[in-house]
PDB file of N, CA and C in Angstrom:
ATOM      1  N   UNK A   1       0.976  -1.289   0.036  1.00  0.00           N
ATOM      2  CA  UNK A   1      -0.311   0.357  -0.008  1.00  0.00           C
ATOM      3  C   UNK A   1       1.102   0.917   0.088  1.00  0.00           C
ATOM      4  N   UNK A   2       0.932   2.198  -0.731  1.00  0.00           N
ATOM      5  CA  UNK A   2       1.615   3.213  -1.304  1.00  0.00           C
ATOM      6  C   UNK A   2       0.920   4.428   0.237  1.00  0.00           C
ATOM      7  N   UNK A   3       1.704   4.805   0.035  1.00  0.00           N
ATOM      8  CA  UNK A   3       1.703   6.569   1.265  1.00  0.00           C
ATOM      9  C   UNK A   3       0.672   7.133   1.558  1.00  0.00           C
ATOM     10  N   UNK A   4       0.035   7.401   0.015  1.00  0.00           N
ATOM     11  CA  UNK A   4      -1.029   8.501  -0.155  1.00  0.00           C
ATOM     12  C   UNK A   4      -1.915   7.078   0.173  1.00  0.00           C
ATOM     13  N   UNK A   5      -2.079   5.282  -0.370  1.00  0.00           N
ATOM     14  CA  UNK A   5      -3.413   5.144  -0.101  1.00  0.00           C
ATOM     15  C   UNK A   5      -3.174   4.619   1.533  1.00  0.00           C
ATOM     16  N   UNK A   6      -2.287   4.797   2.222  1.00  0.00           N
ATOM     17  CA  UNK A   6      -2.809   5.006   3.827  1.00  0.00           C
ATOM     18  C   UNK A   6      -3.064   6.233   4.411  1.00  0.00           C
ATOM     19  N   UNK A   7      -2.704   6.711   3.749  1.00  0.00           N
ATOM     20  CA  UNK A   7      -3.247   8.350   4.357  1.00  0.00           C
ATOM     21  C   UNK A   7      -4.688   8.647   4.019  1.00  0.00           C
ATOM     22  N   UNK A   8      -4.932   7.968   2.509  1.00  0.00           N
ATOM     23  CA  UNK A   8      -6.645   8.154   2.795  1.00  0.00           C
ATOM     24  C   UNK A   8      -7.493   7.003   3.035  1.00  0.00           C
ATOM     25  N   UNK A   9      -6.874   5.900   3.941  1.00  0.00           N
ATOM     26  CA  UNK A   9      -7.069   5.099   4.583  1.00  0.00           C
ATOM     27  C   UNK A   9      -7.630   5.317   6.031  1.00  0.00           C
ATOM     28  N   UNK A  10      -6.443   5.846   6.589  1.00  0.00           N
ATOM     29  CA  UNK A  10      -6.440   6.744   7.969  1.00  0.00           C
ATOM     30  C   UNK A  10      -8.036   8.015   8.054  1.00  0.00           C
ATOM     31  N   UNK A  11      -7.601   8.929   6.583  1.00  0.00           N
ATOM     32  CA  UNK A  11      -9.158   9.663   6.820  1.00  0.00           C
ATOM     33  C   UNK A  11     -10.366   9.157   6.366  1.00  0.00           C
ATOM     34  N   UNK A  12     -10.422   8.042   5.523  1.00  0.00           N
ATOM     35  CA  UNK A  12     -11.750   7.424   5.723  1.00  0.00           C
ATOM     36  C   UNK A  12     -11.994   6.586   6.706  1.00  0.00           C
ATOM     37  N   UNK A  13     -10.852   5.751   7.704  1.00  0.00           N
ATOM     38  CA  UNK A  13     -11.530   5.261   8.829  1.00  0.00           C
ATOM     39  C   UNK A  13     -12.184   6.115   9.720  1.00  0.00           C
ATOM     40  N   UNK A  14     -11.291   7.828  10.127  1.00  0.00           N
ATOM     41  CA  UNK A  14     -11.818   8.718  10.692  1.00  0.00           C
ATOM     42  C   UNK A  14     -13.406   9.639  10.276  1.00  0.00           C
ATOM     43  N   UNK A  15     -13.617   9.597   9.495  1.00  0.00           N
ATOM     44  CA  UNK A  15     -14.799  10.041   8.963  1.00  0.00           C
ATOM     45  C   UNK A  15     -16.003   8.373   8.806  1.00  0.00           C
ATOM     46  N   UNK A  16     -15.539   7.531   8.940  1.00  0.00           N
ATOM     47  CA  UNK A  16     -16.430   6.274   9.463  1.00  0.00           C
ATOM     48  C   UNK A  16     -16.694   6.563  10.947  1.00  0.00           C
ATOM     49  N   UNK A  17     -15.460   6.711  11.917  1.00  0.00           N
ATOM     50  CA  UNK A  17     -16.054   6.912  13.233  1.00  0.00           C
ATOM     51  C   UNK A  17     -16.822   8.211  13.531  1.00  0.00           C
ATOM     52  N   UNK A  18     -17.066   9.078  12.895  1.00  0.00           N
ATOM     53  CA  UNK A  18     -17.563  10.107  13.018  1.00  0.00           C
ATOM     54  C   UNK A  18     -18.996  10.139  12.291  1.00  0.00           C
ATOM     55  N   UNK A  19     -19.503  10.102  11.115  1.00  0.00           N
ATOM     56  CA  UNK A  19     -20.410   9.874  10.245  1.00  0.00           C
ATOM     57  C   UNK A  19     -20.748   8.789   9.422  1.00  0.00           C
ATOM     58  N   UNK A  20     -20.165   7.613  10.210  1.00  0.00           N
ATOM     59  CA  UNK A  20     -20.215   5.949   9.271  1.00  0.00           C
ATOM     60  C   UNK A  20     -21.501   5.580   9.448  1.00  0.00           C
ATOM     61  N   UNK A  21     -22.108   4.929   8.532  1.00  0.00           N
ATOM     62  CA  UNK A  21     -23.478   3.997   8.950  1.00  0.00           C
ATOM     63  C   UNK A  21     -22.780   2.326   8.813  1.00  0.00           C
ATOM     64  N   UNK A  22     -23.966   2.020   8.944  1.00  0.00           N
ATOM     65  CA  UNK A  22     -23.355   0.093   9.040  1.00  0.00           C
ATOM     66  C   UNK A  22     -25.044  -0.360   7.994  1.00  0.00           C
ATOM     67  N   UNK A  23     -24.135  -0.682   7.361  1.00  0.00           N
ATOM     68  CA  UNK A  23     -25.008  -1.753   5.983  1.00  0.00           C
ATOM     69  C   UNK A  23     -24.919  -2.923   6.050  1.00  0.00           C
ATOM     70  N   UNK A  24     -26.126  -3.813   6.208  1.00  0.00           N
ATOM     71  CA  UNK A  24     -26.166  -4.949   6.356  1.00  0.00           C
ATOM     72  C   UNK A  24     -26.734  -6.081   4.889  1.00  0.00           C
ATOM     73  N   UNK A  25     -26.246  -6.592   4.472  1.00  0.00           N
ATOM     74  CA  UNK A  25     -26.306  -7.416   3.578  1.00  0.00           C
ATOM     75  C   UNK A  25     -27.556  -8.094   3.683  1.00  0.00           C
ATOM     76  N   UNK A  26     -28.660  -8.076   2.640  1.00  0.00           N
ATOM     77  CA  UNK A  26     -30.252  -8.748   3.058  1.00  0.00           C
ATOM     78  C   UNK A  26     -30.014 -10.415   1.895  1.00  0.00           C
ATOM     79  N   UNK A  27     -30.612 -11.133   2.685  1.00  0.00           N
ATOM     80  CA  UNK A  27     -31.257 -11.451   4.104  1.00  0.00           C
ATOM     81  C   UNK A  27     -29.947 -12.042   5.312  1.00  0.00           C
ATOM     82  N   UNK A  28     -30.163 -11.283   6.379  1.00  0.00           N
ATOM     83  CA  UNK A  28     -29.133 -11.852   7.513  1.00  0.00           C
ATOM     84  C   UNK A  28     -27.713 -11.813   7.216  1.00  0.00           C
ATOM     85  N   UNK A  29     -27.072 -11.173   6.015  1.00  0.00           N
ATOM     86  CA  UNK A  29     -25.538 -11.212   5.634  1.00  0.00           C
ATOM     87  C   UNK A  29     -24.703 -10.573   6.447  1.00  0.00           C
ATOM     88  N   UNK A  30     -23.566 -10.191   5.640  1.00  0.00           N
ATOM     89  CA  UNK A  30     -22.322  -9.444   7.229  1.00  0.00           C
ATOM     90  C   UNK A  30     -22.503  -8.286   6.967  1.00  0.00           C
ATOM     91  N   UNK A  31     -22.380  -7.586   8.488  1.00  0.00           N
ATOM     92  CA  UNK A  31     -22.465  -5.596   8.125  1.00  0.00           C
ATOM     93  C   UNK A  31     -20.846  -5.181   7.649  1.00  0.00           C
ATOM     94  N   UNK A  32     -21.181  -4.041   7.017  1.00  0.00           N
ATOM     95  CA  UNK A  32     -20.323  -3.542   6.450  1.00  0.00           C
ATOM     96  C   UNK A  32     -20.280  -2.083   6.968  1.00  0.00           C
ATOM     97  N   UNK A  33     -19.127  -1.537   7.745  1.00  0.00           N
ATOM     98  CA  UNK A  33     -19.372  -0.030   7.830  1.00  0.00           C
ATOM     99  C   UNK A  33     -19.393   0.842   6.556  1.00  0.00           C
ATOM    100  N   UNK A  34     -19.921   2.011   6.468  1.00  0.00           N
ATOM    101  CA  UNK A  34     -19.760   2.793   5.183  1.00  0.00           C
ATOM    102  C   UNK A  34     -20.386   4.012   5.558  1.00  0.00           C
ATOM    103  N   UNK A  35     -19.977   4.854   4.539  1.00  0.00           N
ATOM    104  CA  UNK A  35     -20.057   6.540   4.062  1.00  0.00           C
ATOM    105  C   UNK A  35     -21.194   6.301   3.225  1.00  0.00           C
ATOM    106  N   UNK A  36     -22.269   7.486   2.988  1.00  0.00           N
ATOM    107  CA  UNK A  36     -23.253   7.345   2.761  1.00  0.00           C
ATOM    108  C   UNK A  36     -23.266   9.101   2.417  1.00  0.00           C
ATOM    109  N   UNK A  37     -23.382   9.409   0.893  1.00  0.00           N
ATOM    110  CA  UNK A  37     -23.582  10.715   0.396  1.00  0.00           C
ATOM    111  C   UNK A  37     -24.618  10.720  -0.519  1.00  0.00           C
ATOM    112  N   UNK A  38     -25.307  11.447  -0.402  1.00  0.00           N
ATOM    113  CA  UNK A  38     -26.020  11.843  -1.802  1.00  0.00           C
ATOM    114  C   UNK A  38     -25.979  11.942  -3.188  1.00  0.00           C
ATOM    115  N   UNK A  39     -26.659  11.160  -4.671  1.00  0.00           N
ATOM    116  CA  UNK A  39     -25.858  11.215  -5.057  1.00  0.00           C
ATOM    117  C   UNK A  39     -26.390  12.258  -6.213  1.00  0.00           C
ATOM    118  N   UNK A  40     -25.825  13.162  -6.801  1.00  0.00           N
ATOM    119  CA  UNK A  40     -25.701  14.352  -7.328  1.00  0.00           C
ATOM    120  C   UNK A  40     -26.971  13.808  -8.535  1.00  0.00           C
ATOM    121  N   UNK A  41     -27.393  14.900  -8.632  1.00  0.00           N
ATOM    122  CA  UNK A  41     -28.298  14.966 -10.069  1.00  0.00           C
ATOM    123  C   UNK A  41     -27.942  15.425 -11.153  1.00  0.00           C
ATOM    124  N   UNK A  42     -27.163  14.781 -11.982  1.00  0.00           N
ATOM    125  CA  UNK A  42     -26.847  15.265 -13.219  1.00  0.00           C
ATOM    126  C   UNK A  42     -27.952  15.700 -14.304  1.00  0.00           C
ATOM    127  N   UNK A  43     -27.846  17.058 -14.519  1.00  0.00           N
ATOM    128  CA  UNK A  43     -28.690  17.225 -15.393  1.00  0.00           C
ATOM    129  C   UNK A  43     -27.582  18.026 -16.252  1.00  0.00           C
ATOM    130  N   UNK A  44     -27.773  17.562 -17.292  1.00  0.00           N
ATOM    131  CA  UNK A  44     -26.586  17.097 -18.974  1.00  0.00           C
ATOM    132  C   UNK A  44     -27.520  16.510 -19.643  1.00  0.00           C
ATOM    133  N   UNK A  45     -27.001  16.787 -20.800  1.00  0.00           N
ATOM    134  CA  UNK A  45     -27.260  16.042 -22.194  1.00  0.00           C
ATOM    135  C   UNK A  45     -27.623  14.692 -22.170  1.00  0.00           C
ATOM    136  N   UNK A  46     -27.086  14.337 -21.037  1.00  0.00           N
ATOM    137  CA  UNK A  46     -26.957  12.796 -21.505  1.00  0.00           C
ATOM    138  C   UNK A  46     -28.108  12.309 -20.269  1.00  0.00           C
ATOM    139  N   UNK A  47     -28.300  12.920 -19.775  1.00  0.00           N
ATOM    140  CA  UNK A  47     -29.475  12.470 -18.581  1.00  0.00           C
ATOM    141  C   UNK A  47     -30.296  11.598 -19.229  1.00  0.00           C
ATOM    142  N   UNK A  48     -30.570  10.141 -18.758  1.00  0.00           N
ATOM    143  CA  UNK A  48     -31.682   9.405 -19.372  1.00  0.00           C
ATOM    144  C   UNK A  48     -33.349  10.018 -19.187  1.00  0.00           C
ATOM    145  N   UNK A  49     -33.695  10.126 -17.983  1.00  0.00           N
ATOM    146  CA  UNK A  49     -34.891  10.449 -17.701  1.00  0.00           C
ATOM    147  C   UNK A  49     -34.835  10.880 -16.523  1.00  0.00           C
ATOM    148  N   UNK A  50     -35.716  11.886 -15.903  1.00  0.00           N
ATOM    149  CA  UNK A  50     -36.390  12.577 -14.590  1.00  0.00           C
ATOM    150  C   UNK A  50     -36.493  10.874 -13.608  1.00  0.00           C
ATOM    151  N   UNK A  51     -36.741   9.764 -14.033  1.00  0.00           N
ATOM    152  CA  UNK A  51     -37.086   8.748 -13.304  1.00  0.00           C
ATOM    153  C   UNK A  51     -35.831   8.407 -12.549  1.00  0.00           C
ATOM    154  N   UNK A  52     -34.483   8.891 -12.857  1.00  0.00           N
ATOM    155  CA  UNK A  52     -33.232   7.980 -12.554  1.00  0.00           C
ATOM    156  C   UNK A  52     -33.377   8.101 -10.810  1.00  0.00           C
ATOM    157  N   UNK A  53     -33.525   6.794 -10.526  1.00  0.00           N
ATOM    158  CA  UNK A  53     -33.774   6.563  -8.864  1.00  0.00           C
ATOM    159  C   UNK A  53     -32.047   6.248  -8.176  1.00  0.00           C
ATOM    160  N   UNK A  54     -31.330   6.568  -8.570  1.00  0.00           N
ATOM    161  CA  UNK A  54     -29.873   6.535  -7.622  1.00  0.00           C
ATOM    162  C   UNK A  54     -30.093   7.474  -6.608  1.00  0.00           C
ATOM    163  N   UNK A  55     -29.899   7.349  -5.481  1.00  0.00           N
ATOM    164  CA  UNK A  55     -30.564   7.896  -4.182  1.00  0.00           C
ATOM    165  C   UNK A  55     -29.206   8.421  -3.473  1.00  0.00           C
ATOM    166  N   UNK A  56     -28.353   7.512  -3.147  1.00  0.00           N
ATOM    167  CA  UNK A  56     -26.824   7.676  -2.477  1.00  0.00           C
ATOM    168  C   UNK A  56     -26.208   7.116  -3.261  1.00  0.00           C
ATOM    169  N   UNK A  57     -24.332   7.127  -2.373  1.00  0.00           N
ATOM    170  CA  UNK A  57     -23.847   6.214  -3.190  1.00  0.00           C
ATOM    171  C   UNK A  57     -22.816   5.940  -1.993  1.00  0.00           C
ATOM    172  N   UNK A  58     -23.048   4.740  -1.447  1.00  0.00           N
ATOM    173  CA  UNK A  58     -22.215   4.321  -0.150  1.00  0.00           C
ATOM    174  C   UNK A  58     -20.641   3.529  -0.419  1.00  0.00           C
ATOM    175  N   UNK A  59     -19.817   4.091   0.239  1.00  0.00           N
ATOM    176  CA  UNK A  59     -18.296   4.131   0.006  1.00  0.00           C
ATOM    177  C   UNK A  59     -18.314   2.713   1.000  1.00  0.00           C
ATOM    178  N   UNK A  60     -17.793   1.706   1.158  1.00  0.00           N
ATOM    179  CA  UNK A  60     -17.105   0.418   1.585  1.00  0.00           C
ATOM    180  C   UNK A  60     -15.668   0.166   1.559  1.00  0.00           C
ATOM    181  N   UNK A  61     -14.903   0.288   2.442  1.00  0.00           N
ATOM    182  CA  UNK A  61     -13.577   0.394   1.944  1.00  0.00           C
ATOM    183  C   UNK A  61     -13.308  -1.437   1.965  1.00  0.00           C
ATOM    184  N   UNK A  62     -12.559  -1.466   0.860  1.00  0.00           N
ATOM    185  CA  UNK A  62     -11.901  -3.087   0.324  1.00  0.00           C
ATOM    186  C   UNK A  62     -11.615  -4.031   1.467  1.00  0.00           C
ATOM    187  N   UNK A  63     -11.176  -3.442   2.507  1.00  0.00           N
ATOM    188  CA  UNK A  63     -10.399  -4.341   3.779  1.00  0.00           C
ATOM    189  C   UNK A  63     -11.715  -4.878   4.185  1.00  0.00           C
ATOM    190  N   UNK A  64     -12.745  -4.263   4.569  1.00  0.00           N
ATOM    191  CA  UNK A  64     -13.677  -4.470   5.154  1.00  0.00           C
ATOM    192  C   UNK A  64     -14.861  -5.730   4.435  1.00  0.00           C
ATOM    193  N   UNK A  65     -14.554  -5.753   3.193  1.00  0.00           N
ATOM    194  CA  UNK A  65     -15.681  -6.241   2.520  1.00  0.00           C
ATOM    195  C   UNK A  65     -15.237  -7.817   3.020  1.00  0.00           C
ATOM    196  N   UNK A  66     -13.981  -7.883   3.143  1.00  0.00           N
ATOM    197  CA  UNK A  66     -13.327  -9.693   3.287  1.00  0.00           C
ATOM    198  C   UNK A  66     -13.263 -10.746   1.667  1.00  0.00           C
ATOM    199  N   UNK A  67     -14.398 -11.420   2.342  1.00  0.00           N
ATOM    200  CA  UNK A  67     -14.598 -12.383   0.989  1.00  0.00           C
ATOM    201  C   UNK A  67     -15.631 -11.799   0.519  1.00  0.00           C
ATOM    202  N   UNK A  68     -16.551 -11.263   1.071  1.00  0.00           N
ATOM    203  CA  UNK A  68     -18.115 -10.660  -0.083  1.00  0.00           C
ATOM    204  C   UNK A  68     -17.918  -9.924  -1.257  1.00  0.00           C
ATOM    205  N   UNK A  69     -19.063 -10.600  -1.756  1.00  0.00           N
ATOM    206  CA  UNK A  69     -19.045  -9.463  -3.423  1.00  0.00           C
ATOM    207  C   UNK A  69     -20.376  -8.995  -3.388  1.00  0.00           C
ATOM    208  N   UNK A  70     -19.971  -7.758  -3.570  1.00  0.00           N
ATOM    209  CA  UNK A  70     -21.247  -6.938  -3.939  1.00  0.00           C
ATOM    210  C   UNK A  70     -21.799  -6.240  -4.996  1.00  0.00           C
ATOM    211  N   UNK A  71     -22.767  -7.277  -6.046  1.00  0.00           N
ATOM    212  CA  UNK A  71     -22.842  -6.614  -7.105  1.00  0.00           C
ATOM    213  C   UNK A  71     -24.587  -6.007  -7.230  1.00  0.00           C
ATOM    214  N   UNK A  72     -24.634  -5.342  -8.468  1.00  0.00           N
ATOM    215  CA  UNK A  72     -26.357  -5.132  -8.755  1.00  0.00           C
ATOM    216  C   UNK A  72     -27.063  -5.548  -8.696  1.00  0.00           C
ATOM    217  N   UNK A  73     -28.062  -5.329  -7.750  1.00  0.00           N
ATOM    218  CA  UNK A  73     -29.063  -5.950  -7.282  1.00  0.00           C
ATOM    219  C   UNK A  73     -29.064  -6.806  -5.680  1.00  0.00           C
ATOM    220  N   UNK A  74     -27.889  -6.388  -4.873  1.00  0.00           N
ATOM    221  CA  UNK A  74     -27.718  -6.797  -3.776  1.00  0.00           C
ATOM    222  C   UNK A  74     -28.491  -5.769  -2.996  1.00  0.00           C
ATOM    223  N   UNK A  75     -29.134  -6.022  -1.434  1.00  0.00           N
ATOM    224  CA  UNK A  75     -29.873  -5.262  -1.300  1.00  0.00           C
ATOM    225  C   UNK A  75     -29.012  -4.905   0.322  1.00  0.00           C
ATOM    226  N   UNK A  76     -29.159  -3.921   0.526  1.00  0.00           N
ATOM    227  CA  UNK A  76     -28.152  -3.162   1.421  1.00  0.00           C
ATOM    228  C   UNK A  76     -29.004  -3.120   2.870  1.00  0.00           C
ATOM    229  N   UNK A  77     -29.016  -2.993   3.683  1.00  0.00           N
ATOM    230  CA  UNK A  77     -30.436  -2.581   4.842  1.00  0.00           C
ATOM    231  C   UNK A  77     -29.211  -1.717   5.891  1.00  0.00           C
ATOM    232  N   UNK A  78     -30.343  -0.615   6.726  1.00  0.00           N
ATOM    233  CA  UNK A  78     -29.884  -0.151   7.529  1.00  0.00           C
ATOM    234  C   UNK A  78     -31.262   0.647   8.349  1.00  0.00           C
ATOM    235  N   UNK A  79     -31.044  -0.388  10.183  1.00  0.00           N
ATOM    236  CA  UNK A  79     -32.697  -0.212  10.440  1.00  0.00           C
ATOM    237  C   UNK A  79     -33.713  -0.969   9.145  1.00  0.00           C
ATOM    238  N   UNK A  80     -34.837  -0.148   9.149  1.00  0.00           N
ATOM    239  CA  UNK A  80     -36.046   0.067   8.389  1.00  0.00           C
ATOM    240  C   UNK A  80     -35.493   0.398   7.115  1.00  0.00           C
ATOM    241  N   UNK A  81     -34.482   0.740   6.587  1.00  0.00           N
ATOM    242  CA  UNK A  81     -34.092   1.579   5.189  1.00  0.00           C
ATOM    243  C   UNK A  81     -33.563   0.340   4.283  1.00  0.00           C
ATOM    244  N   UNK A  82     -34.213   0.424   3.362  1.00  0.00           N
ATOM    245  CA  UNK A  82     -33.423  -0.765   2.227  1.00  0.00           C
ATOM    246  C   UNK A  82     -32.878   0.129   0.532  1.00  0.00           C
ATOM    247  N   UNK A  83     -31.581  -0.659   0.916  1.00  0.00           N
ATOM    248  CA  UNK A  83     -30.972   0.015  -0.849  1.00  0.00           C
ATOM    249  C   UNK A  83     -30.870  -0.874  -1.590  1.00  0.00           C
ATOM    250  N   UNK A  84     -31.150  -0.674  -2.972  1.00  0.00           N
ATOM    251  CA  UNK A  84     -30.553  -2.001  -4.094  1.00  0.00           C
ATOM    252  C   UNK A  84     -29.189  -1.446  -4.729  1.00  0.00           C
ATOM    253  N   UNK A  85     -28.638  -1.985  -4.969  1.00  0.00           N
ATOM    254  CA  UNK A  85     -27.353  -1.984  -5.530  1.00  0.00           C
ATOM    255  C   UNK A  85     -27.439  -1.749  -6.975  1.00  0.00           C
ATOM    256  N   UNK A  86     -27.257  -0.703  -7.713  1.00  0.00           N
ATOM    257  CA  UNK A  86     -27.423  -0.502  -8.983  1.00  0.00           C
ATOM    258  C   UNK A  86     -26.231  -0.361 -10.289  1.00  0.00           C
ATOM    259  N   UNK A  87     -24.922   0.149  -9.083  1.00  0.00           N
ATOM    260  CA  UNK A  87     -23.911   0.356 -10.078  1.00  0.00           C
ATOM    261  C   UNK A  87     -22.458  -0.182  -9.096  1.00  0.00           C
ATOM    262  N   UNK A  88     -21.657  -0.527  -9.540  1.00  0.00           N
ATOM    263  CA  UNK A  88     -20.721  -1.081  -8.276  1.00  0.00           C
ATOM    264  C   UNK A  88     -19.207  -0.366  -9.355  1.00  0.00           C
ATOM    265  N   UNK A  89     -18.756   0.422  -8.484  1.00  0.00           N
ATOM    266  CA  UNK A  89     -17.307   1.219  -9.310  1.00  0.00           C
ATOM    267  C   UNK A  89     -16.272   0.429  -8.484  1.00  0.00           C
ATOM    268  N   UNK A  90     -15.381   0.107  -9.346  1.00  0.00           N
ATOM    269  CA  UNK A  90     -14.502  -0.874  -8.379  1.00  0.00           C
ATOM    270  C   UNK A  90     -13.140  -0.651  -9.050  1.00  0.00           C
ATOM    271  N   UNK A  91     -12.271   0.041  -8.588  1.00  0.00           N
ATOM    272  CA  UNK A  91     -11.024   0.306  -8.767  1.00  0.00           C
ATOM    273  C   UNK A  91     -10.143  -0.083  -8.343  1.00  0.00           C
ATOM    274  N   UNK A  92      -9.043  -1.140  -9.161  1.00  0.00           N
ATOM    275  CA  UNK A  92      -8.405  -1.604  -8.138  1.00  0.00           C
ATOM    276  C   UNK A  92      -7.408  -1.369  -7.310  1.00  0.00           C
ATOM    277  N   UNK A  93      -7.014   0.161  -7.832  1.00  0.00           N
ATOM    278  CA  UNK A  93      -5.960   0.987  -6.940  1.00  0.00           C
ATOM    279  C   UNK A  93      -6.499   1.736  -5.635  1.00  0.00           C
ATOM    280  N   UNK A  94      -7.992   1.492  -5.942  1.00  0.00           N
ATOM    281  CA  UNK A  94      -8.472   2.439  -4.777  1.00  0.00           C
ATOM    282  C   UNK A  94      -8.958   1.891  -3.092  1.00  0.00           C
ATOM    283  N   UNK A  95      -9.159   2.519  -2.518  1.00  0.00           N
ATOM    284  CA  UNK A  95      -9.053   1.595  -0.759  1.00  0.00           C
ATOM    285  C   UNK A  95     -10.571   1.378  -0.987  1.00  0.00           C
ATOM    286  N   UNK A  96     -11.370   1.765  -1.588  1.00  0.00           N
ATOM    287  CA  UNK A  96     -13.143   1.477  -1.562  1.00  0.00           C
ATOM    288  C   UNK A  96     -13.755   1.249  -2.685  1.00  0.00           C
ATOM    289  N   UNK A  97     -14.847   0.411  -2.757  1.00  0.00           N
ATOM    290  CA  UNK A  97     -15.741   0.490  -3.422  1.00  0.00           C
ATOM    291  C   UNK A  97     -16.888   1.381  -3.516  1.00  0.00           C
ATOM    292  N   UNK A  98     -17.551   1.765  -4.780  1.00  0.00           N
ATOM    293  CA  UNK A  98     -18.595   2.933  -4.258  1.00  0.00           C
ATOM    294  C   UNK A  98     -19.627   2.279  -4.770  1.00  0.00           C
ATOM    295  N   UNK A  99     -20.875   2.301  -4.508  1.00  0.00           N
ATOM    296  CA  UNK A  99     -22.098   1.259  -4.648  1.00  0.00           C
ATOM    297  C   UNK A  99     -23.193   2.806  -4.925  1.00  0.00           C
ATOM    298  N   UNK A 100     -23.566   2.347  -6.324  1.00  0.00           N
ATOM    299  CA  UNK A 100     -24.909   3.484  -6.232  1.00  0.00           C
ATOM    300  C   UNK A 100     -26.050   2.762  -6.029  1.00  0.00           C
ATOM    301  N   UNK A 101     -26.666   3.100  -5.110  1.00  0.00           N
ATOM    302  CA  UNK A 101     -27.936   2.481  -4.751  1.00  0.00           C
ATOM    303  C   UNK A 101     -29.353   3.278  -5.121  1.00  0.00           C
ATOM    304  N   UNK A 102     -30.184   2.723  -4.938  1.00  0.00           N
ATOM    305  CA  UNK A 102     -31.633   3.133  -5.090  1.00  0.00           C
ATOM    306  C   UNK A 102     -32.058   2.826  -3.724  1.00  0.00           C
ATOM    307  N   UNK A 103     -33.294   3.578  -3.323  1.00  0.00           N
ATOM    308  CA  UNK A 103     -33.878   3.331  -2.220  1.00  0.00           C
ATOM    309  C   UNK A 103     -35.012   2.305  -2.570  1.00  0.00           C
ATOM    310  N   UNK A 104     -35.349   1.275  -1.821  1.00  0.00           N
ATOM    311  CA  UNK A 104     -36.182   0.280  -2.241  1.00  0.00           C
ATOM    312  C   UNK A 104     -37.437   0.489  -0.901  1.00  0.00           C
ATOM    313  N   UNK A 105     -36.804   1.229   0.476  1.00  0.00           N
ATOM    314  CA  UNK A 105     -37.687   1.303   1.229  1.00  0.00           C
ATOM    315  C   UNK A 105     -36.750   2.051   2.205  1.00  0.00           C
ATOM    316  N   UNK A 106     -37.571   3.619   2.754  1.00  0.00           N
ATOM    317  CA  UNK A 106     -37.100   4.086   3.946  1.00  0.00           C
ATOM    318  C   UNK A 106     -37.564   4.447   5.317  1.00  0.00           C
TER     319      UNK A 106
END
C-alpha cells in the first residue's frame, strides 16, 4: 500500500468514526461500515430520464468487505431503510468500492 493510500485509509476510517453507517447485506448477511452521500442529480444532455432513481452512493472499504462480493441487485439495509445496488465502481488501486444505490424502502 502506498503512502497516499495509507493516508486515504486513515482519513476514511476517521470519517467512519464520525459519520459512518452500518449496512447489512440482505438477507441476514454480513455488516459493512460505510459512508453514505447523496448522489448528485446530473442535469446534462446525457441524462436518460427524470425517473433516474439513484439516491445514495455508499463507499465501503475494500478491507472491510473480506470475501463478500457486492453486485448490482444486492440489497443493503440499515434499520428499516433498504437500498438496492444498481452500479458498482471498483477500481483496483482505490481503497474503497463505491456503490450507487436506489432506495427500496425508507
